[in-house]
PDB file of N, CA and C in Angstrom:
ATOM      1  N   UNK A   1     -51.261 -75.010-122.102  1.00  0.00           N
ATOM      2  CA  UNK A   1     -50.543 -74.032-122.061  1.00  0.00           C
ATOM      3  C   UNK A   1     -50.267 -73.652-121.504  1.00  0.00           C
ATOM      4  N   UNK A   2     -50.903 -72.240-122.217  1.00  0.00           N
ATOM      5  CA  UNK A   2     -50.747 -70.800-121.643  1.00  0.00           C
ATOM      6  C   UNK A   2     -51.007 -70.738-119.777  1.00  0.00           C
ATOM      7  N   UNK A   3     -52.286 -71.419-120.159  1.00  0.00           N
ATOM      8  CA  UNK A   3     -52.870 -71.555-118.799  1.00  0.00           C
ATOM      9  C   UNK A   3     -52.155 -71.879-117.302  1.00  0.00           C
ATOM     10  N   UNK A   4     -51.234 -73.441-117.929  1.00  0.00           N
ATOM     11  CA  UNK A   4     -50.594 -74.194-117.187  1.00  0.00           C
ATOM     12  C   UNK A   4     -49.845 -72.675-116.192  1.00  0.00           C
ATOM     13  N   UNK A   5     -48.884 -72.630-117.237  1.00  0.00           N
ATOM     14  CA  UNK A   5     -48.015 -71.447-117.008  1.00  0.00           C
ATOM     15  C   UNK A   5     -48.071 -70.376-116.674  1.00  0.00           C
ATOM     16  N   UNK A   6     -49.126 -70.115-115.904  1.00  0.00           N
ATOM     17  CA  UNK A   6     -49.992 -69.200-115.508  1.00  0.00           C
ATOM     18  C   UNK A   6     -50.217 -69.563-114.010  1.00  0.00           C
ATOM     19  N   UNK A   7     -50.894 -70.304-114.058  1.00  0.00           N
ATOM     20  CA  UNK A   7     -50.996 -71.290-112.987  1.00  0.00           C
ATOM     21  C   UNK A   7     -49.689 -71.328-112.112  1.00  0.00           C
ATOM     22  N   UNK A   8     -48.877 -71.837-113.064  1.00  0.00           N
ATOM     23  CA  UNK A   8     -47.611 -71.921-111.926  1.00  0.00           C
ATOM     24  C   UNK A   8     -47.107 -70.843-111.975  1.00  0.00           C
ATOM     25  N   UNK A   9     -46.924 -69.452-112.396  1.00  0.00           N
ATOM     26  CA  UNK A   9     -46.994 -68.466-112.033  1.00  0.00           C
ATOM     27  C   UNK A   9     -47.332 -68.174-110.721  1.00  0.00           C
ATOM     28  N   UNK A  10     -48.736 -68.101-110.594  1.00  0.00           N
ATOM     29  CA  UNK A  10     -49.510 -67.672-109.202  1.00  0.00           C
ATOM     30  C   UNK A  10     -48.641 -68.794-107.688  1.00  0.00           C
ATOM     31  N   UNK A  11     -48.488 -70.024-107.888  1.00  0.00           N
ATOM     32  CA  UNK A  11     -48.164 -70.483-107.013  1.00  0.00           C
ATOM     33  C   UNK A  11     -46.919 -70.250-106.482  1.00  0.00           C
ATOM     34  N   UNK A  12     -46.058 -69.952-107.946  1.00  0.00           N
ATOM     35  CA  UNK A  12     -44.348 -69.246-107.032  1.00  0.00           C
ATOM     36  C   UNK A  12     -44.641 -67.867-106.551  1.00  0.00           C
ATOM     37  N   UNK A  13     -45.714 -67.049-107.182  1.00  0.00           N
ATOM     38  CA  UNK A  13     -45.492 -65.777-106.697  1.00  0.00           C
ATOM     39  C   UNK A  13     -46.104 -65.817-105.422  1.00  0.00           C
ATOM     40  N   UNK A  14     -47.130 -66.479-104.838  1.00  0.00           N
ATOM     41  CA  UNK A  14     -47.675 -66.618-104.152  1.00  0.00           C
ATOM     42  C   UNK A  14     -46.326 -67.356-102.938  1.00  0.00           C
ATOM     43  N   UNK A  15     -46.096 -68.519-102.974  1.00  0.00           N
ATOM     44  CA  UNK A  15     -44.917 -68.776-101.923  1.00  0.00           C
ATOM     45  C   UNK A  15     -43.945 -68.118-102.250  1.00  0.00           C
ATOM     46  N   UNK A  16     -43.325 -66.883-102.963  1.00  0.00           N
ATOM     47  CA  UNK A  16     -42.194 -65.722-102.624  1.00  0.00           C
ATOM     48  C   UNK A  16     -42.486 -64.790-101.586  1.00  0.00           C
ATOM     49  N   UNK A  17     -44.007 -64.673-101.755  1.00  0.00           N
ATOM     50  CA  UNK A  17     -44.411 -63.272-101.308  1.00  0.00           C
ATOM     51  C   UNK A  17     -44.921 -63.753 -99.715  1.00  0.00           C
ATOM     52  N   UNK A  18     -44.986 -65.286 -99.163  1.00  0.00           N
ATOM     53  CA  UNK A  18     -45.226 -65.819 -97.783  1.00  0.00           C
ATOM     54  C   UNK A  18     -43.755 -65.539 -97.822  1.00  0.00           C
ATOM     55  N   UNK A  19     -42.739 -65.892 -98.306  1.00  0.00           N
ATOM     56  CA  UNK A  19     -41.365 -65.976 -97.555  1.00  0.00           C
ATOM     57  C   UNK A  19     -40.763 -64.440 -97.266  1.00  0.00           C
ATOM     58  N   UNK A  20     -40.818 -63.506 -98.161  1.00  0.00           N
ATOM     59  CA  UNK A  20     -41.175 -62.293 -98.214  1.00  0.00           C
ATOM     60  C   UNK A  20     -41.110 -62.250 -96.492  1.00  0.00           C
ATOM     61  N   UNK A  21     -43.030 -62.430 -96.724  1.00  0.00           N
ATOM     62  CA  UNK A  21     -43.431 -61.567 -95.298  1.00  0.00           C
ATOM     63  C   UNK A  21     -42.526 -62.158 -94.218  1.00  0.00           C
ATOM     64  N   UNK A  22     -42.132 -63.521 -94.174  1.00  0.00           N
ATOM     65  CA  UNK A  22     -41.455 -64.100 -93.175  1.00  0.00           C
ATOM     66  C   UNK A  22     -40.559 -63.164 -92.733  1.00  0.00           C
ATOM     67  N   UNK A  23     -39.216 -62.965 -94.092  1.00  0.00           N
ATOM     68  CA  UNK A  23     -37.913 -62.275 -93.784  1.00  0.00           C
ATOM     69  C   UNK A  23     -38.099 -60.630 -93.944  1.00  0.00           C
ATOM     70  N   UNK A  24     -39.496 -60.374 -93.995  1.00  0.00           N
ATOM     71  CA  UNK A  24     -39.945 -58.705 -94.081  1.00  0.00           C
ATOM     72  C   UNK A  24     -38.925 -58.058 -95.022  1.00  0.00           C
ATOM     73  N   UNK A  25     -38.749 -58.565 -96.501  1.00  0.00           N
ATOM     74  CA  UNK A  25     -38.280 -58.268 -97.692  1.00  0.00           C
ATOM     75  C   UNK A  25     -39.056 -57.415 -98.278  1.00  0.00           C
ATOM     76  N   UNK A  26     -38.799 -56.194 -97.996  1.00  0.00           N
ATOM     77  CA  UNK A  26     -40.386 -55.079 -98.930  1.00  0.00           C
ATOM     78  C   UNK A  26     -40.648 -55.355-100.038  1.00  0.00           C
ATOM     79  N   UNK A  27     -39.343 -55.339-100.725  1.00  0.00           N
ATOM     80  CA  UNK A  27     -38.913 -54.692-102.041  1.00  0.00           C
ATOM     81  C   UNK A  27     -39.220 -56.308-102.956  1.00  0.00           C
ATOM     82  N   UNK A  28     -38.845 -57.308-102.387  1.00  0.00           N
ATOM     83  CA  UNK A  28     -39.492 -59.162-102.979  1.00  0.00           C
ATOM     84  C   UNK A  28     -40.518 -58.730-102.793  1.00  0.00           C
ATOM     85  N   UNK A  29     -41.728 -58.410-102.063  1.00  0.00           N
ATOM     86  CA  UNK A  29     -42.827 -58.948-101.327  1.00  0.00           C
ATOM     87  C   UNK A  29     -43.695 -57.656-102.213  1.00  0.00           C
ATOM     88  N   UNK A  30     -43.333 -56.821-102.637  1.00  0.00           N
ATOM     89  CA  UNK A  30     -43.657 -55.816-103.473  1.00  0.00           C
ATOM     90  C   UNK A  30     -43.889 -56.781-105.249  1.00  0.00           C
ATOM     91  N   UNK A  31     -42.845 -56.893-105.466  1.00  0.00           N
ATOM     92  CA  UNK A  31     -42.236 -57.797-106.949  1.00  0.00           C
ATOM     93  C   UNK A  31     -43.278 -59.198-106.591  1.00  0.00           C
ATOM     94  N   UNK A  32     -43.744 -59.861-105.945  1.00  0.00           N
ATOM     95  CA  UNK A  32     -44.136 -61.375-106.130  1.00  0.00           C
ATOM     96  C   UNK A  32     -45.817 -60.503-105.689  1.00  0.00           C
ATOM     97  N   UNK A  33     -46.596 -59.703-105.208  1.00  0.00           N
ATOM     98  CA  UNK A  33     -47.680 -59.198-105.486  1.00  0.00           C
ATOM     99  C   UNK A  33     -47.914 -58.678-106.691  1.00  0.00           C
ATOM    100  N   UNK A  34     -47.138 -57.876-107.788  1.00  0.00           N
ATOM    101  CA  UNK A  34     -46.918 -57.423-108.999  1.00  0.00           C
ATOM    102  C   UNK A  34     -47.296 -59.080-109.864  1.00  0.00           C
ATOM    103  N   UNK A  35     -46.504 -60.180-109.108  1.00  0.00           N
ATOM    104  CA  UNK A  35     -46.383 -60.947-110.292  1.00  0.00           C
ATOM    105  C   UNK A  35     -47.838 -61.969-109.932  1.00  0.00           C
ATOM    106  N   UNK A  36     -48.508 -61.800-108.687  1.00  0.00           N
ATOM    107  CA  UNK A  36     -49.234 -62.145-108.854  1.00  0.00           C
ATOM    108  C   UNK A  36     -50.638 -61.821-109.541  1.00  0.00           C
ATOM    109  N   UNK A  37     -50.206 -60.588-109.600  1.00  0.00           N
ATOM    110  CA  UNK A  37     -51.761 -59.698-110.123  1.00  0.00           C
ATOM    111  C   UNK A  37     -51.092 -60.436-111.751  1.00  0.00           C
ATOM    112  N   UNK A  38     -50.363 -59.806-111.692  1.00  0.00           N
ATOM    113  CA  UNK A  38     -50.033 -60.296-113.403  1.00  0.00           C
ATOM    114  C   UNK A  38     -50.584 -61.455-113.972  1.00  0.00           C
ATOM    115  N   UNK A  39     -50.170 -62.872-113.526  1.00  0.00           N
ATOM    116  CA  UNK A  39     -50.380 -64.083-113.590  1.00  0.00           C
ATOM    117  C   UNK A  39     -52.165 -64.201-113.162  1.00  0.00           C
ATOM    118  N   UNK A  40     -52.984 -63.360-112.609  1.00  0.00           N
ATOM    119  CA  UNK A  40     -53.794 -63.472-111.850  1.00  0.00           C
ATOM    120  C   UNK A  40     -55.136 -63.038-113.031  1.00  0.00           C
ATOM    121  N   UNK A  41     -54.684 -62.188-113.440  1.00  0.00           N
ATOM    122  CA  UNK A  41     -55.146 -61.291-115.178  1.00  0.00           C
ATOM    123  C   UNK A  41     -55.039 -61.961-115.785  1.00  0.00           C
ATOM    124  N   UNK A  42     -53.766 -62.621-116.182  1.00  0.00           N
ATOM    125  CA  UNK A  42     -53.521 -63.824-117.488  1.00  0.00           C
ATOM    126  C   UNK A  42     -54.703 -64.741-117.590  1.00  0.00           C
ATOM    127  N   UNK A  43     -54.787 -65.223-116.427  1.00  0.00           N
ATOM    128  CA  UNK A  43     -55.815 -66.469-116.094  1.00  0.00           C
ATOM    129  C   UNK A  43     -57.362 -66.324-116.063  1.00  0.00           C
ATOM    130  N   UNK A  44     -57.750 -64.799-115.635  1.00  0.00           N
ATOM    131  CA  UNK A  44     -59.051 -64.549-115.524  1.00  0.00           C
ATOM    132  C   UNK A  44     -58.996 -64.027-117.138  1.00  0.00           C
ATOM    133  N   UNK A  45     -58.279 -63.539-117.982  1.00  0.00           N
ATOM    134  CA  UNK A  45     -58.692 -63.120-118.976  1.00  0.00           C
ATOM    135  C   UNK A  45     -59.028 -64.549-120.062  1.00  0.00           C
ATOM    136  N   UNK A  46     -58.058 -65.701-119.288  1.00  0.00           N
ATOM    137  CA  UNK A  46     -58.173 -67.226-120.231  1.00  0.00           C
ATOM    138  C   UNK A  46     -59.726 -67.621-120.069  1.00  0.00           C
ATOM    139  N   UNK A  47     -60.459 -67.442-118.733  1.00  0.00           N
ATOM    140  CA  UNK A  47     -61.450 -67.967-118.586  1.00  0.00           C
ATOM    141  C   UNK A  47     -63.074 -67.042-119.425  1.00  0.00           C
ATOM    142  N   UNK A  48     -62.623 -65.533-118.934  1.00  0.00           N
ATOM    143  CA  UNK A  48     -63.322 -65.073-119.719  1.00  0.00           C
ATOM    144  C   UNK A  48     -63.640 -65.299-121.293  1.00  0.00           C
ATOM    145  N   UNK A  49     -62.423 -65.255-121.916  1.00  0.00           N
ATOM    146  CA  UNK A  49     -62.291 -65.420-123.458  1.00  0.00           C
ATOM    147  C   UNK A  49     -63.113 -66.605-124.032  1.00  0.00           C
ATOM    148  N   UNK A  50     -62.427 -68.036-122.448  1.00  0.00           N
ATOM    149  CA  UNK A  50     -63.779 -69.330-122.799  1.00  0.00           C
ATOM    150  C   UNK A  50     -65.134 -69.079-122.766  1.00  0.00           C
ATOM    151  N   UNK A  51     -65.602 -68.056-122.041  1.00  0.00           N
ATOM    152  CA  UNK A  51     -67.519 -67.894-121.175  1.00  0.00           C
ATOM    153  C   UNK A  51     -67.633 -67.543-122.745  1.00  0.00           C
ATOM    154  N   UNK A  52     -66.553 -66.355-123.049  1.00  0.00           N
ATOM    155  CA  UNK A  52     -67.314 -65.606-124.245  1.00  0.00           C
ATOM    156  C   UNK A  52     -67.874 -66.290-125.488  1.00  0.00           C
ATOM    157  N   UNK A  53     -66.595 -66.962-125.620  1.00  0.00           N
ATOM    158  CA  UNK A  53     -66.598 -68.268-126.739  1.00  0.00           C
ATOM    159  C   UNK A  53     -67.753 -68.975-126.689  1.00  0.00           C
ATOM    160  N   UNK A  54     -68.084 -69.777-125.559  1.00  0.00           N
ATOM    161  CA  UNK A  54     -68.924 -70.591-125.309  1.00  0.00           C
ATOM    162  C   UNK A  54     -70.455 -69.565-125.649  1.00  0.00           C
ATOM    163  N   UNK A  55     -70.499 -68.337-124.720  1.00  0.00           N
ATOM    164  CA  UNK A  55     -71.867 -67.961-125.279  1.00  0.00           C
ATOM    165  C   UNK A  55     -72.229 -67.226-126.815  1.00  0.00           C
ATOM    166  N   UNK A  56     -71.178 -66.910-127.067  1.00  0.00           N
ATOM    167  CA  UNK A  56     -70.939 -66.583-128.795  1.00  0.00           C
ATOM    168  C   UNK A  56     -71.479 -67.480-129.568  1.00  0.00           C
ATOM    169  N   UNK A  57     -71.112 -69.032-128.948  1.00  0.00           N
ATOM    170  CA  UNK A  57     -71.797 -69.940-130.178  1.00  0.00           C
ATOM    171  C   UNK A  57     -73.037 -70.496-129.098  1.00  0.00           C
ATOM    172  N   UNK A  58     -73.364 -70.478-128.235  1.00  0.00           N
ATOM    173  CA  UNK A  58     -75.233 -70.860-127.469  1.00  0.00           C
ATOM    174  C   UNK A  58     -75.657 -69.832-128.413  1.00  0.00           C
ATOM    175  N   UNK A  59     -75.226 -68.428-128.557  1.00  0.00           N
ATOM    176  CA  UNK A  59     -76.125 -67.894-129.176  1.00  0.00           C
ATOM    177  C   UNK A  59     -76.450 -67.793-130.624  1.00  0.00           C
ATOM    178  N   UNK A  60     -75.616 -67.796-131.455  1.00  0.00           N
ATOM    179  CA  UNK A  60     -75.728 -67.849-132.951  1.00  0.00           C
ATOM    180  C   UNK A  60     -76.109 -69.712-133.620  1.00  0.00           C
ATOM    181  N   UNK A  61     -76.033 -70.192-132.539  1.00  0.00           N
ATOM    182  CA  UNK A  61     -76.550 -71.672-132.429  1.00  0.00           C
ATOM    183  C   UNK A  61     -78.301 -71.750-132.549  1.00  0.00           C
TER     184      UNK A  61
END
């Protein structure tokens, strides 16, 4: 569920940043890039958590 929210958030942020580039709105562009960064990190952490969990399971079995 958290992964789905993060992916949707990234797409919304990318869309907002593209529209801000077209309108040349600097403040909105910065906010969108910050959103991409936050959601991107959360997705990476999620995948890293799964990867680590699999490695730990393989290591202990």
